N, C-alpha and C. Protein backbone atom coordinates (compact mmCIF):
# COMPACT_ATOMS: atom_id res chain seq x y z
N MET A 1 -27.75 6.72 3.82
CA MET A 1 -26.22 5.78 4.52
C MET A 1 -25.87 5.16 3.16
N PRO A 2 -24.62 4.76 2.83
CA PRO A 2 -24.28 4.10 1.93
C PRO A 2 -24.56 2.47 2.15
N ASP A 3 -24.61 1.38 1.65
CA ASP A 3 -24.59 0.01 1.96
C ASP A 3 -23.46 -0.52 1.61
N LEU A 4 -22.64 -0.94 2.98
CA LEU A 4 -21.40 -1.33 2.72
C LEU A 4 -21.06 -2.58 2.35
N GLU A 5 -22.16 -3.56 2.54
CA GLU A 5 -22.32 -5.04 2.40
C GLU A 5 -22.19 -4.93 1.02
N HIS A 6 -22.24 -4.38 -0.17
CA HIS A 6 -22.63 -4.19 -1.19
C HIS A 6 -21.29 -3.76 -1.99
N SER A 7 -20.16 -3.54 -1.45
CA SER A 7 -18.63 -3.12 -1.59
C SER A 7 -18.27 -4.26 -2.68
N GLU A 8 -17.60 -3.89 -3.43
CA GLU A 8 -16.77 -4.52 -4.43
C GLU A 8 -15.87 -5.15 -3.57
N TYR A 9 -14.89 -4.52 -2.40
CA TYR A 9 -14.19 -5.14 -1.78
C TYR A 9 -14.86 -5.38 -0.29
N GLN A 10 -14.43 -6.58 0.33
CA GLN A 10 -14.95 -7.05 1.59
C GLN A 10 -13.57 -7.35 2.40
N SER A 11 -14.03 -7.29 3.88
CA SER A 11 -12.82 -7.56 4.84
C SER A 11 -11.85 -8.78 4.76
N GLY A 12 -10.68 -9.15 4.36
CA GLY A 12 -10.12 -10.35 3.96
C GLY A 12 -9.60 -10.65 2.56
N ASP A 13 -10.55 -9.81 1.80
CA ASP A 13 -9.87 -9.68 0.12
C ASP A 13 -8.62 -9.46 0.18
N LEU A 14 -7.60 -10.53 -0.90
CA LEU A 14 -6.56 -10.37 -0.97
C LEU A 14 -6.46 -9.28 -2.09
N VAL A 15 -5.45 -8.14 -2.47
CA VAL A 15 -5.72 -7.29 -3.16
C VAL A 15 -4.04 -7.18 -3.38
N ILE A 16 -4.02 -6.44 -5.00
CA ILE A 16 -2.62 -5.99 -5.59
C ILE A 16 -2.63 -4.68 -5.74
N TYR A 17 -2.03 -3.66 -5.51
CA TYR A 17 -1.71 -2.48 -6.17
C TYR A 17 -0.43 -2.51 -6.19
N THR A 18 -0.54 -1.53 -7.52
CA THR A 18 0.68 -1.61 -8.67
C THR A 18 1.26 -0.19 -8.12
N MET A 19 2.16 -0.01 -7.53
CA MET A 19 2.74 1.03 -7.01
C MET A 19 3.96 1.56 -7.65
N PRO A 20 3.50 2.92 -8.43
CA PRO A 20 4.34 3.09 -9.32
C PRO A 20 5.90 3.98 -8.72
N LYS A 21 7.14 3.70 -8.91
CA LYS A 21 7.92 4.34 -8.21
C LYS A 21 9.25 5.06 -9.13
N ARG A 22 10.11 5.87 -8.33
CA ARG A 22 11.14 6.25 -9.53
C ARG A 22 12.42 6.23 -8.58
N SER A 23 13.87 5.76 -9.16
CA SER A 23 14.69 5.91 -8.45
C SER A 23 16.06 5.27 -9.38
N ARG A 24 17.17 5.39 -8.49
CA ARG A 24 18.36 5.15 -9.55
C ARG A 24 18.80 3.55 -9.65
N HIS A 25 17.90 2.51 -8.66
CA HIS A 25 18.23 1.09 -8.92
C HIS A 25 16.96 0.80 -8.57
N PRO A 26 16.35 0.33 -9.81
CA PRO A 26 15.26 -0.44 -9.71
C PRO A 26 15.34 -1.79 -8.99
N GLY A 27 14.61 -2.50 -8.37
CA GLY A 27 14.77 -4.07 -7.61
C GLY A 27 14.50 -4.71 -8.23
N PRO A 28 14.46 -6.08 -7.74
CA PRO A 28 14.02 -7.31 -8.82
C PRO A 28 12.95 -7.41 -9.27
N ARG A 29 11.49 -7.28 -8.23
CA ARG A 29 10.51 -6.94 -8.58
C ARG A 29 9.92 -6.20 -9.41
N ALA A 30 11.09 -5.30 -9.95
CA ALA A 30 10.39 -4.02 -11.11
C ALA A 30 10.15 -4.42 -12.47
N ARG A 31 8.93 -3.72 -12.80
CA ARG A 31 8.35 -3.85 -14.04
C ARG A 31 8.24 -2.83 -14.26
N SER A 32 8.19 -2.83 -15.72
CA SER A 32 7.80 -1.69 -17.00
C SER A 32 8.70 -0.40 -16.16
N ILE A 33 10.33 -0.75 -16.47
CA ILE A 33 11.09 -0.04 -16.49
C ILE A 33 11.32 0.88 -17.67
N HIS A 34 11.85 2.04 -17.48
CA HIS A 34 11.71 3.13 -18.45
C HIS A 34 12.76 4.19 -17.99
N PRO A 35 13.57 4.47 -18.53
CA PRO A 35 14.92 5.38 -17.71
C PRO A 35 14.33 7.00 -18.23
N ALA A 36 14.63 8.15 -17.43
CA ALA A 36 14.13 8.92 -17.43
C ALA A 36 15.21 10.14 -18.24
N PRO A 37 14.65 11.29 -19.33
CA PRO A 37 14.97 11.42 -20.43
C PRO A 37 16.23 12.24 -19.97
N LEU A 38 16.68 12.66 -18.99
CA LEU A 38 17.74 13.68 -18.84
C LEU A 38 17.86 13.43 -17.54
N GLY A 39 18.21 12.03 -17.10
CA GLY A 39 18.76 11.95 -16.17
C GLY A 39 19.74 10.39 -15.73
N ASP A 40 19.62 9.80 -14.52
CA ASP A 40 19.85 8.60 -14.03
C ASP A 40 18.71 7.94 -13.32
N ASP A 41 17.96 8.48 -13.09
CA ASP A 41 16.96 7.77 -12.31
C ASP A 41 15.73 6.85 -13.87
N TYR A 42 15.27 5.85 -13.05
CA TYR A 42 14.37 5.13 -13.84
C TYR A 42 13.08 5.26 -13.33
N SER A 43 11.58 5.14 -14.00
CA SER A 43 10.78 4.88 -13.34
C SER A 43 10.01 3.57 -13.42
N TYR A 44 9.08 2.88 -12.89
CA TYR A 44 8.89 2.10 -12.76
C TYR A 44 7.72 1.06 -11.56
N VAL A 45 6.73 0.37 -12.15
CA VAL A 45 5.79 0.23 -10.96
C VAL A 45 6.62 -1.46 -10.37
N VAL A 46 5.99 -1.56 -9.11
CA VAL A 46 5.76 -2.94 -8.33
C VAL A 46 4.81 -3.34 -7.81
N ASP A 47 4.42 -4.64 -7.92
CA ASP A 47 3.35 -4.84 -7.05
C ASP A 47 3.39 -5.20 -5.90
N LYS A 48 2.49 -4.66 -5.17
CA LYS A 48 2.30 -4.65 -3.32
C LYS A 48 1.39 -5.67 -3.03
N PHE A 49 1.05 -6.64 -2.38
CA PHE A 49 0.41 -7.55 -2.37
C PHE A 49 -0.29 -7.43 -0.79
N TRP A 50 -1.82 -6.96 -0.52
CA TRP A 50 -2.02 -6.15 0.26
C TRP A 50 -3.57 -7.08 0.84
N VAL A 51 -4.02 -7.05 2.18
CA VAL A 51 -4.96 -7.61 2.89
C VAL A 51 -6.09 -5.74 3.12
N VAL A 52 -7.28 -6.21 2.51
CA VAL A 52 -8.40 -5.51 3.20
C VAL A 52 -8.74 -5.86 4.25
N VAL A 53 -8.52 -4.79 5.27
CA VAL A 53 -9.43 -4.41 6.50
C VAL A 53 -10.28 -4.30 6.81
N GLU A 54 -11.01 -3.41 6.15
CA GLU A 54 -12.36 -2.60 5.95
C GLU A 54 -12.70 -2.09 5.29
N ALA A 55 -14.35 -1.99 4.79
CA ALA A 55 -14.51 -1.30 3.45
C ALA A 55 -14.96 -0.21 4.66
N ILE A 56 -14.23 1.09 4.30
CA ILE A 56 -14.71 2.07 4.85
C ILE A 56 -15.95 2.72 4.70
N ASP A 57 -16.29 3.25 3.50
CA ASP A 57 -17.27 2.83 2.87
C ASP A 57 -17.30 2.40 0.69
N PRO A 58 -18.35 2.65 0.31
CA PRO A 58 -18.35 2.36 -1.14
C PRO A 58 -16.98 2.90 -2.09
N TRP A 59 -16.36 3.76 -1.54
CA TRP A 59 -15.08 4.34 -2.28
C TRP A 59 -13.60 4.46 -1.84
N GLN A 60 -13.85 4.06 -0.56
CA GLN A 60 -12.57 3.83 0.29
C GLN A 60 -12.19 2.22 0.71
N VAL A 61 -11.43 2.17 0.75
CA VAL A 61 -10.91 0.72 1.67
C VAL A 61 -9.86 0.85 2.41
N LEU A 62 -9.67 0.10 3.75
CA LEU A 62 -8.38 0.28 4.72
C LEU A 62 -7.98 -0.82 4.15
N LEU A 63 -6.69 -0.95 3.87
CA LEU A 63 -5.50 -1.66 3.42
C LEU A 63 -4.56 -1.84 4.40
N ARG A 64 -3.84 -3.09 4.48
CA ARG A 64 -2.97 -3.92 5.80
C ARG A 64 -2.09 -4.19 4.64
N THR A 65 -0.57 -3.47 4.75
CA THR A 65 0.65 -4.26 3.85
C THR A 65 1.21 -5.45 4.92
N ARG A 66 2.57 -5.88 4.26
CA ARG A 66 3.35 -6.91 4.89
C ARG A 66 3.80 -6.71 6.26
N ARG A 67 4.14 -5.49 6.16
CA ARG A 67 4.86 -4.75 7.62
C ARG A 67 3.87 -4.33 8.77
N GLY A 68 2.58 -4.56 7.93
CA GLY A 68 1.56 -4.13 8.98
C GLY A 68 0.77 -2.26 9.19
N LYS A 69 1.29 -1.97 7.88
CA LYS A 69 1.20 -0.25 7.94
C LYS A 69 -0.06 -0.35 7.09
N THR A 70 -1.01 0.46 7.51
CA THR A 70 -2.09 0.76 7.04
C THR A 70 -2.09 1.80 6.07
N ARG A 71 -3.21 1.88 4.70
CA ARG A 71 -3.06 2.61 3.68
C ARG A 71 -4.94 2.97 3.14
N VAL A 72 -5.55 3.77 3.18
CA VAL A 72 -6.75 4.03 2.63
C VAL A 72 -6.24 4.18 1.15
N VAL A 73 -7.36 3.62 0.21
CA VAL A 73 -7.14 3.64 -0.89
C VAL A 73 -8.32 3.60 -1.79
N ARG A 74 -8.75 4.52 -2.49
CA ARG A 74 -10.36 4.40 -3.23
C ARG A 74 -10.59 3.20 -3.99
N THR A 75 -11.09 2.93 -3.99
CA THR A 75 -11.95 1.52 -5.04
C THR A 75 -11.75 1.62 -6.03
N ASP A 76 -11.88 3.11 -7.00
CA ASP A 76 -11.78 3.24 -8.35
C ASP A 76 -10.46 3.84 -8.45
N ASP A 77 -9.56 3.36 -7.75
CA ASP A 77 -7.94 3.39 -8.36
C ASP A 77 -7.58 2.25 -9.13
N PRO A 78 -7.47 2.52 -10.34
CA PRO A 78 -6.87 1.86 -11.40
C PRO A 78 -5.62 1.12 -10.78
N LEU A 79 -5.07 1.33 -10.02
CA LEU A 79 -3.78 0.54 -9.86
C LEU A 79 -4.60 -0.57 -8.30
N LEU A 80 -5.68 -0.37 -7.91
CA LEU A 80 -6.17 -1.57 -7.13
C LEU A 80 -6.60 -2.47 -7.84
N ARG A 81 -6.83 -3.82 -7.62
CA ARG A 81 -7.62 -4.64 -7.98
C ARG A 81 -7.52 -5.69 -7.15
N LYS A 82 -8.58 -6.38 -7.33
CA LYS A 82 -8.15 -8.02 -6.37
C LYS A 82 -7.35 -8.88 -7.08
N ALA A 83 -6.49 -9.73 -6.20
CA ALA A 83 -5.73 -10.63 -6.73
C ALA A 83 -6.90 -12.16 -7.47
N ARG A 84 -6.23 -12.53 -8.65
CA ARG A 84 -6.81 -13.67 -8.98
C ARG A 84 -6.53 -14.43 -8.21
N TRP A 85 -7.62 -15.64 -8.71
CA TRP A 85 -6.95 -17.39 -7.72
C TRP A 85 -5.67 -17.84 -7.81
N TRP A 86 -4.90 -17.08 -9.12
CA TRP A 86 -3.97 -18.68 -9.22
C TRP A 86 -2.85 -17.09 -8.84
N GLU A 87 -3.06 -15.89 -8.88
CA GLU A 87 -2.18 -14.94 -7.82
C GLU A 87 -2.14 -15.21 -6.34
N ARG A 88 -3.26 -15.41 -6.04
CA ARG A 88 -3.69 -15.51 -4.37
C ARG A 88 -2.50 -17.30 -4.32
N TRP A 89 -2.55 -18.23 -4.88
CA TRP A 89 -2.02 -19.40 -4.82
C TRP A 89 -0.60 -19.13 -5.08
N ARG A 90 -0.20 -18.46 -6.05
CA ARG A 90 1.51 -18.47 -6.67
C ARG A 90 2.02 -17.32 -5.72
N TYR A 91 1.18 -15.93 -5.15
CA TYR A 91 2.29 -15.03 -4.27
C TYR A 91 1.73 -15.32 -2.57
N ARG A 92 1.16 -16.61 -2.57
CA ARG A 92 0.84 -16.68 -1.09
C ARG A 92 1.45 -16.11 -0.08
N SER A 93 3.08 -16.20 -0.09
CA SER A 93 3.81 -15.72 0.67
C SER A 93 4.06 -14.36 0.76
N ARG A 94 3.78 -13.75 -0.38
CA ARG A 94 3.53 -11.89 -0.35
C ARG A 94 2.60 -11.41 0.17
N PHE A 95 1.61 -12.19 0.44
CA PHE A 95 0.29 -11.04 1.44
C PHE A 95 0.46 -11.42 2.81
N PRO A 96 0.05 -10.37 3.43
CA PRO A 96 -0.30 -10.49 4.86
C PRO A 96 -1.00 -11.48 5.55
N ASP A 97 -0.88 -12.00 6.60
CA ASP A 97 -1.72 -12.73 7.01
C ASP A 97 -3.54 -12.05 7.64
N PRO A 98 -4.24 -12.39 6.63
CA PRO A 98 -5.60 -11.88 6.98
C PRO A 98 -6.04 -12.03 8.33
N ASN A 99 -5.76 -13.05 8.80
CA ASN A 99 -5.90 -13.38 10.54
C ASN A 99 -5.46 -12.45 11.85
N ALA A 100 -4.17 -11.75 11.05
CA ALA A 100 -3.54 -11.20 11.97
C ALA A 100 -4.21 -9.79 12.91
N PRO A 101 -3.54 -9.38 13.81
CA PRO A 101 -4.70 -8.49 14.66
C PRO A 101 -4.56 -7.31 13.82
N ILE A 102 -5.58 -6.48 13.97
CA ILE A 102 -5.64 -5.16 13.24
C ILE A 102 -5.36 -4.27 14.25
N PRO A 103 -4.49 -3.30 13.60
CA PRO A 103 -3.85 -2.21 13.95
C PRO A 103 -5.01 -1.16 14.99
N GLU A 104 -4.06 -0.66 16.07
CA GLU A 104 -4.96 0.00 16.63
C GLU A 104 -5.56 1.85 16.34
N PHE A 105 -3.97 1.97 15.39
CA PHE A 105 -4.23 3.18 14.50
C PHE A 105 -4.80 3.63 13.36
N ARG A 106 -5.24 4.70 12.76
CA ARG A 106 -5.74 5.14 11.57
C ARG A 106 -4.59 5.48 10.29
N PRO A 107 -4.56 5.69 9.59
CA PRO A 107 -2.94 6.34 9.12
C PRO A 107 -3.40 8.07 8.96
N ASP A 108 -4.90 8.44 8.93
CA ASP A 108 -4.72 9.88 8.85
C ASP A 108 -4.23 10.71 10.65
N GLU A 109 -4.64 9.67 11.52
CA GLU A 109 -4.15 10.22 13.02
C GLU A 109 -2.62 10.07 13.35
N GLU A 110 -2.05 9.13 12.61
CA GLU A 110 -0.63 9.51 12.99
C GLU A 110 -0.06 11.09 12.76
N ASP A 111 -0.54 11.95 12.16
CA ASP A 111 -0.16 12.97 11.90
C ASP A 111 -0.45 13.82 13.35
N SER A 112 -2.08 13.32 13.30
CA SER A 112 -2.53 14.33 14.94
C SER A 112 -2.30 13.89 15.81
N ASP A 113 -1.42 12.64 16.20
CA ASP A 113 -0.79 12.16 17.65
C ASP A 113 0.50 12.68 17.53
N GLN A 114 1.54 12.99 16.49
CA GLN A 114 2.68 13.85 16.59
C GLN A 114 2.34 15.26 16.63
N GLU A 115 1.49 15.67 16.41
CA GLU A 115 1.14 17.09 16.75
C GLU A 115 0.81 17.67 18.36
N ASP A 116 0.17 16.82 18.36
CA ASP A 116 -0.41 16.92 20.32
C ASP A 116 1.02 16.42 20.82
N SER A 117 1.72 15.78 20.71
CA SER A 117 2.89 15.47 21.92
C SER A 117 3.77 16.22 21.53
N GLY A 118 3.80 17.40 20.55
CA GLY A 118 5.04 18.67 20.29
C GLY A 118 6.51 17.95 19.93
N GLN A 119 6.49 16.60 19.42
CA GLN A 119 7.77 16.08 19.19
C GLN A 119 7.57 16.22 17.16
N GLN A 120 8.93 16.12 17.11
CA GLN A 120 9.06 16.02 15.43
C GLN A 120 9.85 14.89 15.00
N SER A 121 9.04 14.30 13.88
CA SER A 121 9.84 13.35 13.48
C SER A 121 10.98 13.37 13.07
N PRO A 122 11.96 12.39 12.81
CA PRO A 122 13.73 12.62 12.77
C PRO A 122 13.59 12.90 10.89
N VAL A 123 14.58 13.89 10.81
CA VAL A 123 14.82 13.57 9.54
C VAL A 123 16.38 13.70 8.89
N ARG A 124 16.17 12.54 7.91
CA ARG A 124 17.28 11.70 7.67
C ARG A 124 18.41 13.01 6.37
N ASP A 125 19.06 13.09 6.89
CA ASP A 125 20.21 13.86 5.54
C ASP A 125 20.38 12.77 3.99
N ALA A 126 19.94 13.57 3.41
CA ALA A 126 19.96 12.66 2.40
C ALA A 126 21.45 11.89 1.76
N ASN A 127 22.43 12.51 2.43
CA ASN A 127 23.95 12.41 2.28
C ASN A 127 24.61 11.76 3.72
N SER A 128 23.69 11.55 4.69
CA SER A 128 24.51 10.46 5.78
C SER A 128 24.75 9.23 5.57
N ASP A 129 24.47 8.56 4.52
CA ASP A 129 24.52 7.22 4.42
C ASP A 129 26.18 7.12 3.60
N ARG A 130 26.50 8.44 3.27
CA ARG A 130 28.09 8.30 1.92
C ARG A 130 28.76 8.34 3.16
């Protein structure tokens, strides 16, 4: 059995995940913006400020986003890192509250709940906003 007490990440740790994105209109927090060679899109990265809910094992952590969603990320993912002391201070309003209640579900259980109920998720048409 792996020793979870010696995991690099502990419950309550503030982490930053550098999320790669692609869109036509990068937001104000976008960094490293590069236009697509043959199109109108841009590729860029955005820092996401999350908190560790628990170390699942030495290779995976359960993270909570600012809006309460949960994500499972590998600890060896180069896009995941602990927030430095000055980032914890400077971006303190962007991190989720580490003392907030933990959600009752896990990300991989969302899909199975939907299959059991027989309901389909609503699908938005990309042109419906126009």
